[in-house]
Amino acid sequence: MRERERARERESAREREREREREHERESVRERESARERARERESARESARQRVSARERERERESERERERKRERRRESERERM
């Protein structure tokens, strides 16, 4: 009788240990998934920043081109006035 009781207790202890190990593994999986999600968010933020910089650069280039065109137009106008 006592032997069966001790065997049940040992089995119960083994089951608790297995459950602790499973919970530890689940926690590890959650941590890895969380780390991957944070990495995706950081990459997304970097990409957004690159796109904003790129858009600003394109706008600066368009503005430079407009300024060059205005200068050409003023030069043409000056040449017409001289004639």
PDB file of N, CA and C in Angstrom:
ATOM      1  N   MET A   1       0.829  -1.195   0.000  1.00  0.00           N
ATOM      2  CA  MET A   1       0.000   0.000   0.000  1.00  0.00           C
ATOM      3  C   MET A   1       0.872   1.258   0.000  1.00  0.00           C
ATOM      4  N   ARG A   2       1.800   1.308   0.983  1.00  0.00           N
ATOM      5  CA  ARG A   2       2.688   2.473   1.018  1.00  0.00           C
ATOM      6  C   ARG A   2       3.505   2.577  -0.259  1.00  0.00           C
ATOM      7  N   GLU A   3       3.922   1.422  -0.764  1.00  0.00           N
ATOM      8  CA  GLU A   3       4.735   1.423  -1.989  1.00  0.00           C
ATOM      9  C   GLU A   3       3.948   2.028  -3.148  1.00  0.00           C
ATOM     10  N   ARG A   4       2.670   1.649  -3.273  1.00  0.00           N
ATOM     11  CA  ARG A   4       1.844   2.227  -4.345  1.00  0.00           C
ATOM     12  C   ARG A   4       1.675   3.725  -4.145  1.00  0.00           C
ATOM     13  N   GLU A   5       1.496   4.145  -2.925  1.00  0.00           N
ATOM     14  CA  GLU A   5       1.339   5.568  -2.629  1.00  0.00           C
ATOM     15  C   GLU A   5       2.615   6.331  -2.999  1.00  0.00           C
ATOM     16  N   ARG A   6       3.763   5.767  -2.626  1.00  0.00           N
ATOM     17  CA  ARG A   6       5.036   6.415  -2.972  1.00  0.00           C
ATOM     18  C   ARG A   6       5.225   6.450  -4.489  1.00  0.00           C
ATOM     19  N   ALA A   7       4.825   5.376  -5.160  1.00  0.00           N
ATOM     20  CA  ALA A   7       4.939   5.332  -6.621  1.00  0.00           C
ATOM     21  C   ALA A   7       4.056   6.419  -7.238  1.00  0.00           C
ATOM     22  N   ARG A   8       2.844   6.588  -6.711  1.00  0.00           N
ATOM     23  CA  ARG A   8       1.962   7.656  -7.212  1.00  0.00           C
ATOM     24  C   ARG A   8       2.586   9.025  -6.964  1.00  0.00           C
ATOM     25  N   GLU A   9       3.167   9.222  -5.792  1.00  0.00           N
ATOM     26  CA  GLU A   9       3.806  10.503  -5.482  1.00  0.00           C
ATOM     27  C   GLU A   9       4.980  10.773  -6.420  1.00  0.00           C
ATOM     28  N   ARG A  10       5.788   9.710  -6.672  1.00  0.00           N
ATOM     29  CA  ARG A  10       6.918   9.885  -7.599  1.00  0.00           C
ATOM     30  C   ARG A  10       6.411  10.234  -8.999  1.00  0.00           C
ATOM     31  N   GLU A  11       5.371   9.535  -9.439  1.00  0.00           N
ATOM     32  CA  GLU A  11       4.808   9.817 -10.769  1.00  0.00           C
ATOM     33  C   GLU A  11       4.234  11.230 -10.809  1.00  0.00           C
ATOM     34  N   SER A  12       3.567  11.626  -9.741  1.00  0.00           N
ATOM     35  CA  SER A  12       3.007  12.972  -9.660  1.00  0.00           C
ATOM     36  C   SER A  12       4.130  14.013  -9.710  1.00  0.00           C
ATOM     37  N   ALA A  13       5.223  13.744  -8.996  1.00  0.00           N
ATOM     38  CA  ALA A  13       6.364  14.671  -9.012  1.00  0.00           C
ATOM     39  C   ALA A  13       6.963  14.745 -10.417  1.00  0.00           C
ATOM     40  N   ARG A  14       7.081  13.580 -11.087  1.00  0.00           N
ATOM     41  CA  ARG A  14       7.614  13.576 -12.462  1.00  0.00           C
ATOM     42  C   ARG A  14       6.698  14.374 -13.390  1.00  0.00           C
ATOM     43  N   GLU A  15       5.392  14.207 -13.212  1.00  0.00           N
ATOM     44  CA  GLU A  15       4.436  14.944 -14.059  1.00  0.00           C
ATOM     45  C   GLU A  15       4.546  16.453 -13.810  1.00  0.00           C
ATOM     46  N   ARG A  16       4.683  16.855 -12.547  1.00  0.00           N
ATOM     47  CA  ARG A  16       4.862  18.289 -12.255  1.00  0.00           C
ATOM     48  C   ARG A  16       6.143  18.815 -12.909  1.00  0.00           C
ATOM     49  N   GLU A  17       7.195  18.020 -12.854  1.00  0.00           N
ATOM     50  CA  GLU A  17       8.465  18.433 -13.475  1.00  0.00           C
ATOM     51  C   GLU A  17       8.294  18.553 -14.991  1.00  0.00           C
ATOM     52  N   ARG A  18       7.620  17.582 -15.602  1.00  0.00           N
ATOM     53  CA  ARG A  18       7.378  17.662 -17.055  1.00  0.00           C
ATOM     54  C   ARG A  18       6.562  18.907 -17.388  1.00  0.00           C
ATOM     55  N   GLU A  19       5.570  19.221 -16.566  1.00  0.00           N
ATOM     56  CA  GLU A  19       4.750  20.418 -16.807  1.00  0.00           C
ATOM     57  C   GLU A  19       5.593  21.681 -16.660  1.00  0.00           C
ATOM     58  N   ARG A  20       6.487  21.721 -15.680  1.00  0.00           N
ATOM     59  CA  ARG A  20       7.382  22.885 -15.538  1.00  0.00           C
ATOM     60  C   ARG A  20       8.257  23.036 -16.782  1.00  0.00           C
ATOM     61  N   GLU A  21       8.761  21.911 -17.283  1.00  0.00           N
ATOM     62  CA  GLU A  21       9.592  21.960 -18.493  1.00  0.00           C
ATOM     63  C   GLU A  21       8.785  22.444 -19.693  1.00  0.00           C
ATOM     64  N   ARG A  22       7.550  21.957 -19.822  1.00  0.00           N
ATOM     65  CA  ARG A  22       6.702  22.410 -20.935  1.00  0.00           C
ATOM     66  C   ARG A  22       6.419  23.903 -20.817  1.00  0.00           C
ATOM     67  N   GLU A  23       6.134  24.366 -19.603  1.00  0.00           N
ATOM     68  CA  GLU A  23       5.869  25.798 -19.407  1.00  0.00           C
ATOM     69  C   GLU A  23       7.118  26.619 -19.728  1.00  0.00           C
ATOM     70  N   HIS A  24       8.268  26.104 -19.326  1.00  0.00           N
ATOM     71  CA  HIS A  24       9.527  26.797 -19.634  1.00  0.00           C
ATOM     72  C   HIS A  24       9.706  26.892 -21.154  1.00  0.00           C
ATOM     73  N   GLU A  25       9.426  25.818 -21.864  1.00  0.00           N
ATOM     74  CA  GLU A  25       9.549  25.821 -23.330  1.00  0.00           C
ATOM     75  C   GLU A  25       8.551  26.801 -23.947  1.00  0.00           C
ATOM     76  N   ARG A  26       7.312  26.808 -23.443  1.00  0.00           N
ATOM     77  CA  ARG A  26       6.322  27.764 -23.969  1.00  0.00           C
ATOM     78  C   ARG A  26       6.794  29.200 -23.744  1.00  0.00           C
ATOM     79  N   GLU A  27       7.361  29.464 -22.572  1.00  0.00           N
ATOM     80  CA  GLU A  27       7.870  30.811 -22.273  1.00  0.00           C
ATOM     81  C   GLU A  27       9.015  31.167 -23.227  1.00  0.00           C
ATOM     82  N   SER A  28       9.894  30.212 -23.486  1.00  0.00           N
ATOM     83  CA  SER A  28      10.999  30.454 -24.425  1.00  0.00           C
ATOM     84  C   SER A  28      10.465  30.789 -25.815  1.00  0.00           C
ATOM     85  N   VAL A  29       9.443  30.045 -26.243  1.00  0.00           N
ATOM     86  CA  VAL A  29       8.835  30.300 -27.554  1.00  0.00           C
ATOM     87  C   VAL A  29       8.235  31.706 -27.582  1.00  0.00           C
ATOM     88  N   ARG A  30       7.518  32.083 -26.517  1.00  0.00           N
ATOM     89  CA  ARG A  30       6.933  33.435 -26.458  1.00  0.00           C
ATOM     90  C   ARG A  30       8.024  34.501 -26.528  1.00  0.00           C
ATOM     91  N   GLU A  31       9.120  34.289 -25.809  1.00  0.00           N
ATOM     92  CA  GLU A  31      10.212  35.268 -25.824  1.00  0.00           C
ATOM     93  C   GLU A  31      10.821  35.391 -27.219  1.00  0.00           C
ATOM     94  N   ARG A  32      11.031  34.250 -27.890  1.00  0.00           N
ATOM     95  CA  ARG A  32      11.593  34.301 -29.253  1.00  0.00           C
ATOM     96  C   ARG A  32      10.643  35.009 -30.206  1.00  0.00           C
ATOM     97  N   GLU A  33       9.345  34.702 -30.100  1.00  0.00           N
ATOM     98  CA  GLU A  33       8.366  35.369 -30.970  1.00  0.00           C
ATOM     99  C   GLU A  33       8.337  36.870 -30.701  1.00  0.00           C
ATOM    100  N   SER A  34       8.409  37.231 -29.431  1.00  0.00           N
ATOM    101  CA  SER A  34       8.411  38.646 -29.064  1.00  0.00           C
ATOM    102  C   SER A  34       9.656  39.342 -29.628  1.00  0.00           C
ATOM    103  N   ALA A  35      10.803  38.687 -29.531  1.00  0.00           N
ATOM    104  CA  ALA A  35      12.039  39.266 -30.070  1.00  0.00           C
ATOM    105  C   ALA A  35      11.930  39.428 -31.587  1.00  0.00           C
ATOM    106  N   ARG A  36      11.359  38.430 -32.265  1.00  0.00           N
ATOM    107  CA  ARG A  36      11.188  38.541 -33.725  1.00  0.00           C
ATOM    108  C   ARG A  36      10.254  39.694 -34.065  1.00  0.00           C
ATOM    109  N   GLU A  37       9.183  39.847 -33.302  1.00  0.00           N
ATOM    110  CA  GLU A  37       8.234  40.938 -33.555  1.00  0.00           C
ATOM    111  C   GLU A  37       8.914  42.295 -33.360  1.00  0.00           C
ATOM    112  N   ARG A  38       9.700  42.424 -32.292  1.00  0.00           N
ATOM    113  CA  ARG A  38      10.419  43.694 -32.073  1.00  0.00           C
ATOM    114  C   ARG A  38      11.390  43.964 -33.220  1.00  0.00           C
ATOM    115  N   ALA A  39      12.058  42.922 -33.706  1.00  0.00           N
ATOM    116  CA  ALA A  39      12.984  43.094 -34.832  1.00  0.00           C
ATOM    117  C   ALA A  39      12.223  43.543 -36.078  1.00  0.00           C
ATOM    118  N   ARG A  40      11.042  42.950 -36.319  1.00  0.00           N
ATOM    119  CA  ARG A  40      10.230  43.371 -37.478  1.00  0.00           C
ATOM    120  C   ARG A  40       9.814  44.827 -37.328  1.00  0.00           C
ATOM    121  N   GLU A  41       9.417  45.217 -36.123  1.00  0.00           N
ATOM    122  CA  GLU A  41       9.002  46.608 -35.900  1.00  0.00           C
ATOM    123  C   GLU A  41      10.165  47.572 -36.120  1.00  0.00           C
ATOM    124  N   ARG A  42      11.361  47.189 -35.640  1.00  0.00           N
ATOM    125  CA  ARG A  42      12.532  48.063 -35.849  1.00  0.00           C
ATOM    126  C   ARG A  42      12.841  48.193 -37.339  1.00  0.00           C
ATOM    127  N   GLU A  43      12.789  47.085 -38.066  1.00  0.00           N
ATOM    128  CA  GLU A  43      13.072  47.129 -39.503  1.00  0.00           C
ATOM    129  C   GLU A  43      12.027  47.976 -40.220  1.00  0.00           C
ATOM    130  N   SER A  44      10.766  47.833 -39.816  1.00  0.00           N
ATOM    131  CA  SER A  44       9.701  48.631 -40.421  1.00  0.00           C
ATOM    132  C   SER A  44       9.941  50.118 -40.161  1.00  0.00           C
ATOM    133  N   ALA A  45      10.348  50.455 -38.946  1.00  0.00           N
ATOM    134  CA  ALA A  45      10.628  51.860 -38.620  1.00  0.00           C
ATOM    135  C   ALA A  45      11.806  52.376 -39.446  1.00  0.00           C
ATOM    136  N   ARG A  46      12.844  51.530 -39.595  1.00  0.00           N
ATOM    137  CA  ARG A  46      13.996  51.947 -40.421  1.00  0.00           C
ATOM    138  C   ARG A  46      13.568  52.170 -41.867  1.00  0.00           C
ATOM    139  N   GLU A  47      12.740  51.275 -42.394  1.00  0.00           N
ATOM    140  CA  GLU A  47      12.279  51.415 -43.781  1.00  0.00           C
ATOM    141  C   GLU A  47      11.450  52.682 -43.938  1.00  0.00           C
ATOM    142  N   SER A  48      10.581  52.963 -42.972  1.00  0.00           N
ATOM    143  CA  SER A  48       9.787  54.196 -43.036  1.00  0.00           C
ATOM    144  C   SER A  48      10.696  55.415 -43.038  1.00  0.00           C
ATOM    145  N   ALA A  49      11.725  55.389 -42.201  1.00  0.00           N
ATOM    146  CA  ALA A  49      12.665  56.512 -42.148  1.00  0.00           C
ATOM    147  C   ALA A  49      13.384  56.660 -43.485  1.00  0.00           C
ATOM    148  N   ARG A  50      13.801  55.528 -44.078  1.00  0.00           N
ATOM    149  CA  ARG A  50      14.472  55.590 -45.391  1.00  0.00           C
ATOM    150  C   ARG A  50      13.540  56.199 -46.432  1.00  0.00           C
ATOM    151  N   GLN A  51      12.278  55.809 -46.400  1.00  0.00           N
ATOM    152  CA  GLN A  51      11.325  56.341 -47.376  1.00  0.00           C
ATOM    153  C   GLN A  51      11.117  57.834 -47.179  1.00  0.00           C
ATOM    154  N   ARG A  52      11.050  58.273 -45.913  1.00  0.00           N
ATOM    155  CA  ARG A  52      10.886  59.713 -45.661  1.00  0.00           C
ATOM    156  C   ARG A  52      12.101  60.485 -46.166  1.00  0.00           C
ATOM    157  N   VAL A  53      13.298  59.963 -45.901  1.00  0.00           N
ATOM    158  CA  VAL A  53      14.519  60.628 -46.366  1.00  0.00           C
ATOM    159  C   VAL A  53      14.517  60.672 -47.886  1.00  0.00           C
ATOM    160  N   SER A  54      14.180  59.553 -48.497  1.00  0.00           N
ATOM    161  CA  SER A  54      14.158  59.481 -49.950  1.00  0.00           C
ATOM    162  C   SER A  54      13.154  60.485 -50.521  1.00  0.00           C
ATOM    163  N   ALA A  55      11.993  60.592 -49.916  1.00  0.00           N
ATOM    164  CA  ALA A  55      10.977  61.542 -50.395  1.00  0.00           C
ATOM    165  C   ALA A  55      11.486  62.973 -50.256  1.00  0.00           C
ATOM    166  N   ARG A  56      12.152  63.265 -49.128  1.00  0.00           N
ATOM    167  CA  ARG A  56      12.702  64.622 -48.952  1.00  0.00           C
ATOM    168  C   ARG A  56      13.779  64.897 -49.996  1.00  0.00           C
ATOM    169  N   GLU A  57      14.617  63.896 -50.263  1.00  0.00           N
ATOM    170  CA  GLU A  57      15.663  64.084 -51.279  1.00  0.00           C
ATOM    171  C   GLU A  57      15.043  64.328 -52.652  1.00  0.00           C
ATOM    172  N   ARG A  58      14.009  63.569 -52.983  1.00  0.00           N
ATOM    173  CA  ARG A  58      13.355  63.778 -54.286  1.00  0.00           C
ATOM    174  C   ARG A  58      12.750  65.172 -54.351  1.00  0.00           C
ATOM    175  N   GLU A  59      12.137  65.622 -53.276  1.00  0.00           N
ATOM    176  CA  GLU A  59      11.539  66.962 -53.263  1.00  0.00           C
ATOM    177  C   GLU A  59      12.618  68.032 -53.402  1.00  0.00           C
ATOM    178  N   ARG A  60      13.748  67.845 -52.714  1.00  0.00           N
ATOM    179  CA  ARG A  60      14.854  68.816 -52.859  1.00  0.00           C
ATOM    180  C   ARG A  60      15.348  68.847 -54.301  1.00  0.00           C
ATOM    181  N   GLU A  61      15.446  67.684 -54.920  1.00  0.00           N
ATOM    182  CA  GLU A  61      15.899  67.625 -56.314  1.00  0.00           C
ATOM    183  C   GLU A  61      14.893  68.324 -57.226  1.00  0.00           C
ATOM    184  N   ARG A  62      13.604  68.103 -57.000  1.00  0.00           N
ATOM    185  CA  ARG A  62      12.589  68.790 -57.820  1.00  0.00           C
ATOM    186  C   ARG A  62      12.687  70.305 -57.624  1.00  0.00           C
ATOM    187  N   GLU A  63      12.877  70.728 -56.389  1.00  0.00           N
ATOM    188  CA  GLU A  63      12.992  72.165 -56.116  1.00  0.00           C
ATOM    189  C   GLU A  63      14.240  72.733 -56.793  1.00  0.00           C
ATOM    190  N   SER A  64      15.341  71.993 -56.751  1.00  0.00           N
ATOM    191  CA  SER A  64      16.566  72.442 -57.430  1.00  0.00           C
ATOM    192  C   SER A  64      16.319  72.576 -58.932  1.00  0.00           C
ATOM    193  N   GLU A  65      15.633  71.608 -59.488  1.00  0.00           N
ATOM    194  CA  GLU A  65      15.342  71.660 -60.927  1.00  0.00           C
ATOM    195  C   GLU A  65      14.447  72.856 -61.241  1.00  0.00           C
ATOM    196  N   ARG A  66      13.449  73.118 -60.403  1.00  0.00           N
ATOM    197  CA  ARG A  66      12.592  74.295 -60.629  1.00  0.00           C
ATOM    198  C   ARG A  66      13.422  75.577 -60.553  1.00  0.00           C
ATOM    199  N   GLU A  67      14.336  75.634 -59.592  1.00  0.00           N
ATOM    200  CA  GLU A  67      15.187  76.822 -59.454  1.00  0.00           C
ATOM    201  C   GLU A  67      16.079  76.985 -60.686  1.00  0.00           C
ATOM    202  N   ARG A  68      16.656  75.888 -61.164  1.00  0.00           N
ATOM    203  CA  ARG A  68      17.484  75.967 -62.389  1.00  0.00           C
ATOM    204  C   ARG A  68      16.642  76.461 -63.562  1.00  0.00           C
ATOM    205  N   GLU A  69      15.416  75.963 -63.659  1.00  0.00           N
ATOM    206  CA  GLU A  69      14.531  76.398 -64.749  1.00  0.00           C
ATOM    207  C   GLU A  69      14.205  77.888 -64.614  1.00  0.00           C
ATOM    208  N   ARG A  70      13.964  78.362 -63.410  1.00  0.00           N
ATOM    209  CA  ARG A  70      13.701  79.802 -63.207  1.00  0.00           C
ATOM    210  C   ARG A  70      14.914  80.632 -63.637  1.00  0.00           C
ATOM    211  N   LYS A  71      16.102  80.174 -63.293  1.00  0.00           N
ATOM    212  CA  LYS A  71      17.318  80.907 -63.687  1.00  0.00           C
ATOM    213  C   LYS A  71      17.457  80.936 -65.208  1.00  0.00           C
ATOM    214  N   ARG A  72      17.220  79.793 -65.850  1.00  0.00           N
ATOM    215  CA  ARG A  72      17.295  79.756 -67.321  1.00  0.00           C
ATOM    216  C   ARG A  72      16.287  80.736 -67.918  1.00  0.00           C
ATOM    217  N   GLU A  73      15.093  80.733 -67.361  1.00  0.00           N
ATOM    218  CA  GLU A  73      14.047  81.632 -67.864  1.00  0.00           C
ATOM    219  C   GLU A  73      14.460  83.089 -67.667  1.00  0.00           C
ATOM    220  N   ARG A  74      15.024  83.423 -66.527  1.00  0.00           N
ATOM    221  CA  ARG A  74      15.480  84.806 -66.298  1.00  0.00           C
ATOM    222  C   ARG A  74      16.584  85.170 -67.285  1.00  0.00           C
ATOM    223  N   ARG A  75      17.497  84.223 -67.536  1.00  0.00           N
ATOM    224  CA  ARG A  75      18.559  84.491 -68.516  1.00  0.00           C
ATOM    225  C   ARG A  75      17.962  84.746 -69.900  1.00  0.00           C
ATOM    226  N   ARG A  76      17.017  83.898 -70.289  1.00  0.00           N
ATOM    227  CA  ARG A  76      16.382  84.090 -71.602  1.00  0.00           C
ATOM    228  C   ARG A  76      15.697  85.452 -71.662  1.00  0.00           C
ATOM    229  N   GLU A  77      15.012  85.784 -70.596  1.00  0.00           N
ATOM    230  CA  GLU A  77      14.313  87.074 -70.527  1.00  0.00           C
ATOM    231  C   GLU A  77      15.320  88.221 -70.653  1.00  0.00           C
ATOM    232  N   SER A  78      16.432  88.116 -69.946  1.00  0.00           N
ATOM    233  CA  SER A  78      17.467  89.163 -70.018  1.00  0.00           C
ATOM    234  C   SER A  78      18.004  89.280 -71.437  1.00  0.00           C
ATOM    235  N   GLU A  79      18.240  88.142 -72.082  1.00  0.00           N
ATOM    236  CA  GLU A  79      18.758  88.173 -73.454  1.00  0.00           C
ATOM    237  C   GLU A  79      17.743  88.817 -74.394  1.00  0.00           C
ATOM    238  N   ARG A  80      16.461  88.536 -74.201  1.00  0.00           N
ATOM    239  CA  ARG A  80      15.430  89.147 -75.047  1.00  0.00           C
ATOM    240  C   ARG A  80      15.408  90.659 -74.847  1.00  0.00           C
ATOM    241  N   GLU A  81      15.539  91.086 -73.605  1.00  0.00           N
ATOM    242  CA  GLU A  81      15.513  92.530 -73.329  1.00  0.00           C
ATOM    243  C   GLU A  81      16.704  93.235 -73.965  1.00  0.00           C
ATOM    244  N   ARG A  82      17.850  92.559 -74.012  1.00  0.00           N
ATOM    245  CA  ARG A  82      19.041  93.171 -74.618  1.00  0.00           C
ATOM    246  C   ARG A  82      18.858  93.369 -76.119  1.00  0.00           C
ATOM    247  N   MET A  83      18.093  92.536 -76.752  1.00  0.00           N
ATOM    248  CA  MET A  83      17.949  92.618 -78.211  1.00  0.00           C
ATOM    249  C   MET A  83      17.092  93.741 -78.643  1.00  0.00           C
TER     250      MET A  83
END
